Protein backbone atom coordinates (compact mmCIF):
# COMPACT_ATOMS: atom_id res chain seq x y z
CA MET A 1 52.52 -34.09 57.82
CA PHE A 2 49.01 -33.34 59.11
CA THR A 3 46.37 -33.06 56.39
CA PRO A 4 43.28 -30.88 56.87
CA PRO A 5 39.87 -32.60 57.15
CA ARG A 6 37.63 -33.08 54.12
CA PHE A 7 34.40 -32.99 56.16
CA VAL A 8 33.49 -30.27 58.68
CA VAL A 9 30.31 -30.24 60.75
CA ILE A 10 29.02 -27.00 62.34
CA ASP A 11 26.18 -27.19 64.85
CA ASP A 12 25.04 -25.39 67.98
CA ASN A 13 23.63 -28.58 69.52
CA GLN A 14 26.44 -30.68 70.97
CA ASN A 15 24.42 -33.91 70.89
CA HIS A 16 23.51 -33.43 67.26
CA LEU A 17 27.08 -32.45 66.43
CA ASP A 18 28.53 -35.60 67.99
CA ALA A 19 25.93 -37.83 66.35
CA ILE A 20 26.46 -36.44 62.84
CA VAL A 21 30.25 -36.67 63.15
CA THR A 22 29.90 -40.27 64.33
CA ALA A 23 27.68 -41.04 61.33
CA ILE A 24 30.22 -39.56 58.90
CA GLN A 25 33.17 -41.30 60.52
CA SER A 26 31.33 -44.62 60.34
CA LEU A 27 31.61 -44.21 56.56
CA GLY A 28 35.40 -44.25 56.86
CA SER A 29 36.03 -40.49 56.61
CA VAL A 30 37.63 -38.21 59.16
CA SER A 31 35.40 -35.30 60.12
CA ALA A 32 36.09 -32.16 62.14
CA ARG A 33 33.43 -30.91 64.53
CA VAL A 34 32.80 -27.23 65.30
CA HIS A 35 30.49 -26.43 68.22
CA TYR A 36 28.97 -23.13 67.17
CA THR A 37 28.54 -20.30 69.65
CA PRO A 38 27.77 -16.67 68.73
CA GLU A 39 30.69 -15.52 70.88
CA GLN A 40 33.43 -17.47 69.08
CA ASP A 41 34.40 -17.46 65.40
CA VAL A 42 34.61 -20.70 63.46
CA PRO A 43 38.32 -21.72 63.10
CA LYS A 44 39.11 -21.11 59.42
CA GLU A 45 42.20 -23.38 59.37
CA LEU A 46 39.89 -26.42 59.34
CA PHE A 47 38.49 -25.47 55.93
CA SER A 48 41.60 -25.21 53.74
CA ALA A 49 40.79 -28.46 51.90
CA VAL A 50 37.15 -29.04 52.88
CA ARG A 51 34.93 -30.93 50.42
CA ALA A 52 31.70 -31.05 52.43
CA ILE A 53 30.40 -28.60 55.03
CA PHE A 54 27.47 -29.75 57.18
CA ILE A 55 25.76 -26.81 58.86
CA ASP A 56 22.51 -26.30 60.74
CA LEU A 57 20.19 -23.83 59.06
CA GLN A 58 19.18 -22.21 62.34
CA LEU A 59 22.31 -21.29 64.25
CA GLN A 60 20.93 -18.12 65.84
CA ASP A 61 17.89 -17.45 68.00
CA ARG A 62 15.98 -20.66 67.43
CA ALA A 63 13.12 -19.37 69.54
CA ALA A 64 12.76 -16.33 67.30
CA SER A 65 13.16 -18.02 63.97
CA SER A 66 10.46 -16.24 61.94
CA ASP A 67 13.08 -14.03 60.27
CA PHE A 68 15.19 -16.57 58.39
CA ASN A 69 17.31 -13.82 56.84
CA ARG A 70 19.15 -13.69 60.17
CA HIS A 71 20.10 -17.34 59.78
CA PHE A 72 21.00 -16.82 56.11
CA ALA A 73 23.22 -13.86 57.00
CA GLU A 74 25.10 -15.87 59.61
CA ILE A 75 25.75 -18.74 57.18
CA GLN A 76 26.97 -16.17 54.65
CA ARG A 77 29.29 -14.63 57.25
CA ILE A 78 30.75 -18.03 58.17
CA LEU A 79 31.33 -19.07 54.54
CA GLY A 80 32.92 -15.71 53.74
CA SER A 81 35.30 -16.17 56.64
CA VAL A 82 36.41 -19.77 56.08
CA ILE A 83 36.36 -20.35 52.29
CA GLN A 84 39.39 -18.94 50.48
CA PRO A 85 40.17 -18.74 46.72
CA THR A 86 42.56 -21.68 47.17
CA SER A 87 40.06 -23.89 49.03
CA GLY A 88 38.61 -25.68 46.00
CA PRO A 89 35.16 -27.20 45.41
CA TYR A 90 32.84 -28.30 48.19
CA ILE A 91 29.21 -29.18 48.82
CA LEU A 92 27.12 -27.42 51.43
CA VAL A 93 24.77 -29.72 53.37
CA VAL A 94 22.16 -27.74 55.29
CA TRP A 95 20.32 -29.53 58.09
CA THR A 96 16.66 -28.59 58.19
CA ASP A 97 13.16 -30.03 58.18
CA LYS A 98 12.11 -27.13 55.96
CA PRO A 99 13.80 -27.77 52.55
CA GLU A 100 11.98 -24.80 51.00
CA ARG A 101 14.05 -22.57 53.30
CA VAL A 102 17.24 -23.93 51.73
CA ALA A 103 15.97 -22.80 48.32
CA GLU A 104 15.49 -19.34 49.86
CA LEU A 105 19.02 -19.50 51.28
CA GLU A 106 20.43 -20.26 47.82
CA ILE A 107 18.58 -17.25 46.36
CA TYR A 108 19.81 -15.08 49.25
CA LEU A 109 23.45 -16.05 48.71
CA GLY A 110 23.19 -15.89 44.92
CA LYS A 111 21.93 -12.32 44.68
CA LYS A 112 25.23 -10.66 45.55
CA PHE A 113 27.49 -12.85 47.68
CA PHE A 114 28.30 -15.54 45.09
CA VAL A 115 28.54 -12.87 42.36
CA GLU A 116 31.21 -10.93 44.25
CA LYS A 117 33.02 -14.04 45.52
CA PRO A 118 32.35 -16.85 43.02
CA TYR A 119 35.01 -19.11 44.58
CA ILE A 120 32.77 -19.47 47.66
CA LYS A 121 29.84 -20.89 45.71
CA PRO A 122 29.49 -24.62 46.52
CA ILE A 123 29.06 -27.35 43.95
CA VAL A 124 25.54 -27.83 45.24
CA ILE A 125 23.53 -26.87 48.32
CA VAL A 126 21.88 -29.97 49.72
CA PRO A 127 18.91 -29.85 52.13
CA LEU A 128 18.86 -32.86 54.45
CA SER A 129 16.82 -33.61 57.54
CA LYS A 130 18.71 -34.62 60.66
CA THR A 131 15.82 -36.78 61.78
CA LYS A 132 16.51 -39.13 58.88
CA TYR A 133 19.96 -39.97 60.30
CA ILE A 134 19.77 -39.28 64.04
CA ASN A 135 17.20 -39.21 66.81
CA ASP A 136 16.48 -35.52 67.35
CA ASP A 137 16.02 -35.98 71.10
CA THR A 138 18.78 -38.43 72.00
CA GLY A 139 21.21 -37.85 69.13
CA GLU A 140 21.46 -41.58 68.47
CA HIS A 141 22.26 -42.71 64.93
CA THR A 142 19.31 -44.13 62.96
CA SER A 143 19.22 -46.17 59.76
CA GLY A 144 19.45 -43.38 57.15
CA ASP A 145 22.10 -43.86 54.44
CA LEU A 146 23.94 -40.54 54.60
CA LEU A 147 26.64 -41.58 52.12
CA GLN A 148 24.15 -42.70 49.50
CA ASP A 149 22.14 -39.50 49.82
CA ILE A 150 25.24 -37.32 49.41
CA ARG A 151 26.33 -39.31 46.37
CA MET A 152 22.89 -38.86 44.84
CA HIS A 153 23.14 -35.08 45.13
CA LEU A 154 26.72 -35.03 43.84
CA SER A 155 25.65 -37.00 40.77
CA SER A 156 23.74 -33.94 39.62
CA GLN A 157 27.16 -32.34 38.96
CA PRO A 158 29.07 -35.20 37.26
CA SER A 159 32.05 -33.16 36.02
CA MET A 160 32.71 -31.66 39.45
CA ASN A 161 32.12 -35.04 41.01
CA ALA A 162 34.81 -36.51 38.74
CA LEU A 163 37.22 -33.75 39.77
CA VAL A 164 36.70 -34.51 43.44
CA GLN A 165 37.14 -38.20 42.61
CA TRP A 166 40.47 -37.35 40.94
CA GLU A 167 41.64 -35.71 44.16
CA ALA A 168 40.73 -38.83 46.11
CA GLU A 169 42.64 -40.98 43.61
CA VAL A 170 45.74 -38.80 43.98
CA PHE A 171 45.58 -39.30 47.73
CA ALA A 172 45.19 -43.07 47.25
CA ALA A 173 48.15 -43.10 44.84
CA THR A 174 50.37 -41.31 47.36
CA THR A 175 49.44 -43.98 49.92
CA ARG A 176 50.60 -46.67 47.51
CA VAL A 177 53.90 -44.83 46.91
CA LEU A 178 54.55 -44.71 50.65
CA ALA A 179 53.77 -48.43 50.84
CA ASP A 180 56.21 -49.11 47.99
CA VAL A 181 59.01 -47.20 49.69
CA THR A 182 58.51 -48.74 53.12
CA THR A 183 58.27 -52.23 51.61
CA LEU A 184 61.53 -51.70 49.75
CA ALA A 185 63.18 -50.40 52.90
CA ALA A 186 62.02 -53.43 54.89
CA ASN A 187 63.93 -55.67 52.50
CA LEU A 188 67.21 -53.81 52.86
CA SER A 189 69.88 -54.60 55.39
CA GLY A 190 71.56 -52.12 57.68
CA ASP A 191 70.73 -50.09 60.77
CA ALA A 192 68.82 -47.31 58.99
CA PRO A 193 67.23 -48.78 55.85
CA LEU A 194 64.53 -46.12 55.26
CA PRO A 195 66.72 -42.98 55.33
CA THR A 196 69.39 -44.84 53.36
CA LEU A 197 66.84 -45.83 50.72
CA LEU A 198 65.47 -42.29 50.47
CA LYS A 199 68.94 -40.93 49.94
CA ARG A 200 69.72 -43.59 47.33
CA LEU A 201 66.53 -42.74 45.40
CA ALA A 202 67.24 -39.01 45.61
CA ALA A 203 70.85 -39.45 44.55
CA GLU A 204 69.82 -41.43 41.48
CA ALA A 205 67.39 -38.66 40.55
CA VAL A 206 69.63 -35.59 40.95
CA GLY A 207 73.16 -36.84 41.57
CA HIS A 208 74.86 -37.73 44.83
CA ALA A 209 76.64 -34.38 45.16
CA ASN A 210 73.36 -32.42 44.98
CA VAL A 211 71.16 -34.32 47.43
CA ALA A 212 72.15 -32.31 50.51
CA ASP A 213 71.54 -28.97 48.79
CA ASP A 214 67.80 -29.52 48.46
CA PRO A 215 66.56 -32.78 50.07
CA ARG A 216 62.90 -32.01 49.39
CA SER A 217 63.31 -31.46 45.65
CA SER A 218 65.60 -34.48 45.45
CA VAL A 219 63.07 -36.81 47.04
CA GLN A 220 60.24 -35.28 44.99
CA ALA A 221 62.14 -35.96 41.78
CA SER A 222 62.55 -39.62 42.71
CA LEU A 223 58.99 -40.27 43.92
CA LEU A 224 56.95 -38.40 41.30
CA PRO A 225 57.40 -41.11 38.63
CA LEU A 226 56.04 -43.69 41.11
CA LEU A 227 53.08 -41.44 41.89
CA GLN A 228 52.30 -40.88 38.22
CA ASP A 229 52.39 -44.60 37.50
CA HIS A 230 50.03 -45.47 40.36
CA LEU A 231 47.67 -42.66 39.39
CA GLN A 232 47.50 -43.42 35.69
CA ASN A 233 47.35 -47.20 35.97
CA ALA A 234 45.01 -47.66 38.94
CA SER A 235 42.38 -50.32 38.32
CA ASP A 236 40.06 -49.46 41.21
CA TYR A 237 38.83 -46.05 40.09
CA GLY A 238 35.14 -45.25 40.60
CA GLU A 239 32.31 -45.15 38.10
CA ASP A 240 32.04 -41.35 38.28
CA TRP A 241 34.43 -40.94 35.35
CA SER A 242 31.90 -42.34 32.86
CA ARG A 243 29.87 -39.14 33.20
CA ALA A 244 32.76 -36.67 33.49
CA PHE A 245 32.01 -34.98 30.14
CA GLU A 246 28.24 -35.10 30.46
CA SER A 247 26.58 -31.86 29.23
CA ALA A 248 29.82 -30.68 27.56
CA VAL A 249 29.01 -28.56 24.51
CA GLU A 250 29.96 -30.07 21.15
CA PRO A 251 31.58 -28.57 19.24
CA PRO A 252 33.10 -26.49 22.02
CA PRO A 253 32.39 -22.75 21.72
CA PRO A 254 35.24 -20.48 20.60
CA LEU A 255 37.44 -18.94 23.29
CA SER A 256 38.22 -15.24 23.58
CA LYS A 257 41.84 -14.11 23.53
CA THR A 258 41.66 -13.44 27.27
CA GLN A 259 40.32 -16.93 27.95
CA VAL A 260 43.00 -18.53 25.75
CA SER A 261 45.81 -16.66 27.51
CA MET A 262 44.34 -17.52 30.91
CA LEU A 263 44.25 -21.25 30.09
CA ASN A 264 47.72 -21.27 28.52
CA THR A 265 49.15 -19.33 31.45
CA LYS A 266 47.73 -21.70 34.03
CA LEU A 267 49.22 -24.66 32.12
CA HIS A 268 52.60 -23.20 31.22
CA VAL A 269 53.54 -20.24 33.41
CA THR A 270 53.93 -19.36 37.07
CA VAL A 271 53.69 -15.60 37.56
CA HIS A 272 55.58 -13.97 40.40
CA ASP A 273 53.49 -12.72 43.31
CA GLU A 274 53.96 -11.93 46.98
CA ASP A 275 53.07 -15.45 48.08
CA ARG A 276 55.53 -17.20 45.76
CA SER A 277 59.29 -16.89 45.92
CA MET A 278 60.99 -17.00 42.54
CA SER A 279 64.69 -17.20 41.80
CA ALA A 280 66.36 -15.88 38.67
CA LEU A 281 68.46 -19.06 38.72
CA GLY A 282 65.37 -21.27 38.46
CA TRP A 283 64.94 -23.25 35.27
CA GLY A 284 62.62 -21.26 33.00
CA ALA A 285 62.81 -18.01 35.00
CA VAL A 286 61.74 -14.99 32.94
CA CYS A 287 63.88 -12.10 34.14
CA GLU A 288 64.21 -8.38 33.54
CA LEU A 289 67.28 -7.25 31.61
CA GLU A 290 69.93 -5.62 33.73
CA PRO A 291 70.10 -1.82 33.12
CA ASP A 292 73.76 -1.92 32.01
CA LEU A 293 73.37 -4.77 29.50
CA ASP A 294 76.10 -4.64 26.86
CA TRP A 295 74.25 -5.02 23.54
CA GLY A 296 77.62 -5.23 21.84
CA GLU A 297 77.70 -8.90 22.93
CA PHE A 298 75.10 -9.50 20.25
CA GLY A 299 76.60 -7.17 17.64
CA LEU A 300 73.85 -4.61 18.28
CA ALA A 301 73.88 -1.01 19.40
CA ASN A 302 70.87 -1.11 21.72
CA GLU A 303 67.53 -2.72 22.53
CA ASN A 304 65.71 -0.85 19.74
CA GLU A 305 68.08 -2.35 17.20
CA PHE A 306 67.25 -5.83 18.52
CA LYS A 307 63.57 -5.09 18.02
CA GLU A 308 64.08 -3.64 14.54
CA GLN A 309 66.55 -6.17 13.18
CA VAL A 310 65.53 -9.36 14.98
CA VAL A 311 61.90 -9.20 16.01
CA ARG A 312 60.64 -7.33 12.96
CA ASN A 313 62.52 -9.58 10.53
CA ASN A 314 61.28 -12.81 12.14
CA VAL A 315 57.69 -12.16 13.20
CA GLN A 316 54.64 -11.27 11.14
CA ILE A 317 53.54 -8.28 13.20
CA ASP A 318 51.94 -4.91 12.55
CA TRP A 319 55.11 -3.03 13.32
CA ILE A 320 53.65 0.49 13.44
CA LYS A 321 50.94 -0.59 15.87
CA TYR A 322 53.07 -2.69 18.24
CA LYS A 323 56.67 -1.45 18.12
CA ASP A 324 56.32 0.90 21.11
CA ASP A 325 54.71 -1.82 23.27
CA LEU A 326 57.35 -4.53 22.70
CA ALA A 327 59.29 -5.53 25.81
CA VAL A 328 62.52 -7.51 25.92
CA LYS A 329 63.37 -9.90 28.79
CA GLN A 330 65.58 -12.97 29.22
CA ILE A 331 64.77 -16.62 30.02
CA ARG A 332 66.99 -18.97 31.97
CA ILE A 333 67.32 -22.05 29.73
CA GLY A 334 69.80 -24.95 29.71
CA ALA A 335 69.71 -28.74 29.92
CA ALA A 336 67.17 -30.31 32.29
CA CYS A 337 69.81 -32.58 33.85
CA ASP A 338 72.15 -29.65 34.50
CA TYR A 339 69.41 -27.84 36.41
CA ALA A 340 68.17 -30.94 38.27
CA GLN A 341 71.68 -31.80 39.37
CA LYS A 342 72.49 -28.16 40.12
CA THR A 343 75.59 -28.31 37.98
CA SER A 344 77.85 -25.37 38.78
CA GLY A 345 79.25 -23.15 36.08
CA PRO A 346 77.92 -20.81 33.39
CA ILE A 347 74.15 -20.35 33.05
CA PRO A 348 72.54 -19.72 29.63
CA PHE A 349 69.93 -16.99 29.16
CA ALA A 350 68.00 -16.41 25.93
CA LEU A 351 66.72 -12.97 25.00
CA VAL A 352 62.94 -13.03 24.67
CA ALA A 353 60.61 -10.45 23.16
CA LEU A 354 57.14 -10.10 24.66
CA LEU A 355 54.83 -9.52 21.71
CA PRO A 356 51.63 -7.78 22.87
CA GLU A 357 48.26 -8.83 21.50
CA ARG A 358 44.89 -7.18 21.26
CA ALA A 359 41.37 -8.55 21.37
CA GLY A 360 39.90 -9.66 18.08
CA GLU A 361 43.25 -10.11 16.31
CA LYS A 362 44.94 -13.33 15.26
CA PRO A 363 48.04 -14.53 17.14
CA HIS A 364 51.40 -13.43 15.76
CA GLU A 365 53.21 -15.94 13.54
CA LEU A 366 56.80 -16.47 12.48
CA LYS A 367 57.79 -15.43 8.99
CA PRO A 368 58.31 -18.37 6.58
CA LYS A 369 62.13 -18.35 6.72
CA SER A 370 62.46 -17.60 10.43
CA THR A 371 64.42 -20.01 12.62
CA GLY A 372 62.89 -18.49 15.75
CA TRP A 373 60.49 -19.90 18.33
CA ILE A 374 57.16 -18.40 19.36
CA SER A 375 54.92 -19.37 22.27
CA PRO A 376 51.16 -19.64 22.54
CA GLU A 377 49.27 -16.68 23.99
CA LEU A 378 50.15 -16.09 27.66
CA ASN A 379 49.76 -13.48 30.37
CA LEU A 380 52.78 -12.67 32.52
CA GLY A 381 50.85 -10.07 34.49
CA GLY A 382 50.55 -7.23 31.99
CA GLY A 383 48.05 -8.46 29.39
CA THR A 384 48.13 -11.06 26.62
CA VAL A 385 51.53 -11.61 24.99
CA GLN A 386 53.47 -14.18 22.99
CA LEU A 387 57.10 -14.93 23.70
CA PHE A 388 59.52 -14.81 20.77
CA VAL A 389 63.06 -16.17 20.94
CA GLN A 390 65.65 -16.12 18.17
CA PRO A 391 68.00 -19.01 19.17
CA ARG A 392 71.14 -17.13 18.10
CA PHE A 393 70.62 -14.56 20.87
CA VAL A 394 71.72 -16.60 23.88
CA ARG A 395 74.37 -15.48 26.35
CA ILE A 396 76.11 -17.00 29.35
CA ARG A 397 76.19 -15.56 32.86
CA GLY A 398 77.82 -16.77 36.05
CA GLU A 399 75.68 -17.62 39.05
CA SER A 400 77.01 -14.71 41.12
CA VAL A 401 75.82 -12.28 38.43
CA ALA A 402 72.56 -13.99 37.45
CA VAL A 403 71.33 -14.35 41.02
CA ASP A 404 70.65 -10.60 41.08
CA PHE A 405 68.38 -10.64 38.03
CA LYS A 406 64.74 -9.82 38.82
CA ALA A 407 62.45 -12.77 38.02
CA ILE A 408 58.89 -11.89 36.96
CA ALA A 409 57.63 -15.35 35.97
CA ARG A 410 58.69 -18.93 35.37
CA ILE A 411 57.98 -21.01 32.28
CA LYS A 412 56.90 -24.52 33.27
CA GLU A 413 58.65 -27.63 32.06
CA GLN A 414 56.48 -28.65 29.09
CA LEU A 415 56.70 -25.33 27.26
CA LEU A 416 60.28 -24.73 28.40
CA LEU A 417 61.46 -28.04 26.94
CA GLU A 418 60.00 -27.01 23.59
CA LEU A 419 62.02 -23.78 23.74
CA VAL A 420 65.20 -25.55 24.89
CA GLU A 421 64.82 -28.07 22.06
CA ALA A 422 64.38 -25.25 19.52
CA VAL A 423 67.54 -23.51 20.75
CA GLY A 424 69.51 -26.77 20.78
CA HIS A 425 68.33 -27.80 17.32
CA HIS A 426 69.30 -24.44 15.86
CA SER A 427 72.88 -24.69 17.10
CA SER A 428 73.32 -28.31 16.00
CA ARG A 429 71.39 -28.55 12.72
CA PRO A 430 73.61 -30.40 10.25
CA GLY A 431 74.57 -29.31 6.77
CA ILE A 432 77.05 -30.89 4.33
CA VAL A 433 78.17 -30.32 0.76
CA ARG A 434 76.87 -33.09 -1.47
CA PHE A 435 76.41 -33.97 -5.12
CA GLN A 436 73.46 -35.99 -6.35
CA SER A 437 73.05 -37.92 -9.57
CA ARG A 438 70.00 -37.67 -11.76
CA ALA A 439 68.28 -40.41 -13.68
CA SER A 440 69.34 -40.41 -17.32
């Protein structure tokens, strides 16, 4: 319910801290204040979604400030503690009357720190003087336009500025969705209109019998279309988008195989890790084969025969080079509505071959007469691969059996729907006997 602040101010002078926070909040933005003391660490939980950090250049030993490396080192320590790989982009505003020192700070941080931890590097490091915005003695706000100055510096990075603008628009769209729902509820009769409306929306999305099983997913399924509509059709977006592609290289440079697989994976795959729970029953789950799999179900003797007779006959692949590196898994497929409504009963799994790839070589392709499906280049955690599925090799498992499969990744909806459609088309493609006349 509680969202982290987008602005955080760090200062060792309480008067200055209060004045700067007041100036930021007068612009309509919530700001967190951190009174810096050498004895107490900065609370890192405030920075999980920060977009601007305001920090005094001289946090330590102001009286002995000739060695600015001490100040630089402390700023580096603070950033290394509070900025995580999941934090996202931010600007660093450094308060100082010596802007040349900020250039030195950027060189100091760039030599090693930003190289080893690139996710900590800010969009831009902005030197600003406090005296332009507050009275240095009293802390009273003066006439400086802080918002305009920050926007000016952000404009030097138009693509990143547009990305931050997108985040703001998503937040605005969610506000409109909440307004839609509460307005609808206000027009309903009954003692509990809002919870009743939420349940009605969720039930229409996933089916009345499935709402109680997963209320969160049910409500998400009903509200996401509203969010998408508000986001895509907003008329009050900013002007920053006009420069979003400024400086983009045309034509775009070629991508390496590693870069291609990284981009495809981020778009189409969630890879299992310690921070992410993943169920074998989840739609699109890529699972290990169980050790006692009965290959006789498919009319085959073993896994090697599947590789030889199915993969080799369907895929244009250098068999001698790759045959020992092929891996076979299974993907949980099925109709989208069956999964959304958590329909009980048999669960379909398609056998999938992971076709390894090597740098400098073209992606694998299906042979001309193949009825199989092949994915773009991906990385499921063990290097670049393509997924190959022959639609005939699908089997059914009950939930009590499938729940014990080990999931290693999950194919996201867009790519999964392409696979599901390929499997469905294969089993339903029509064919009739017909005679045709010819022109005499």
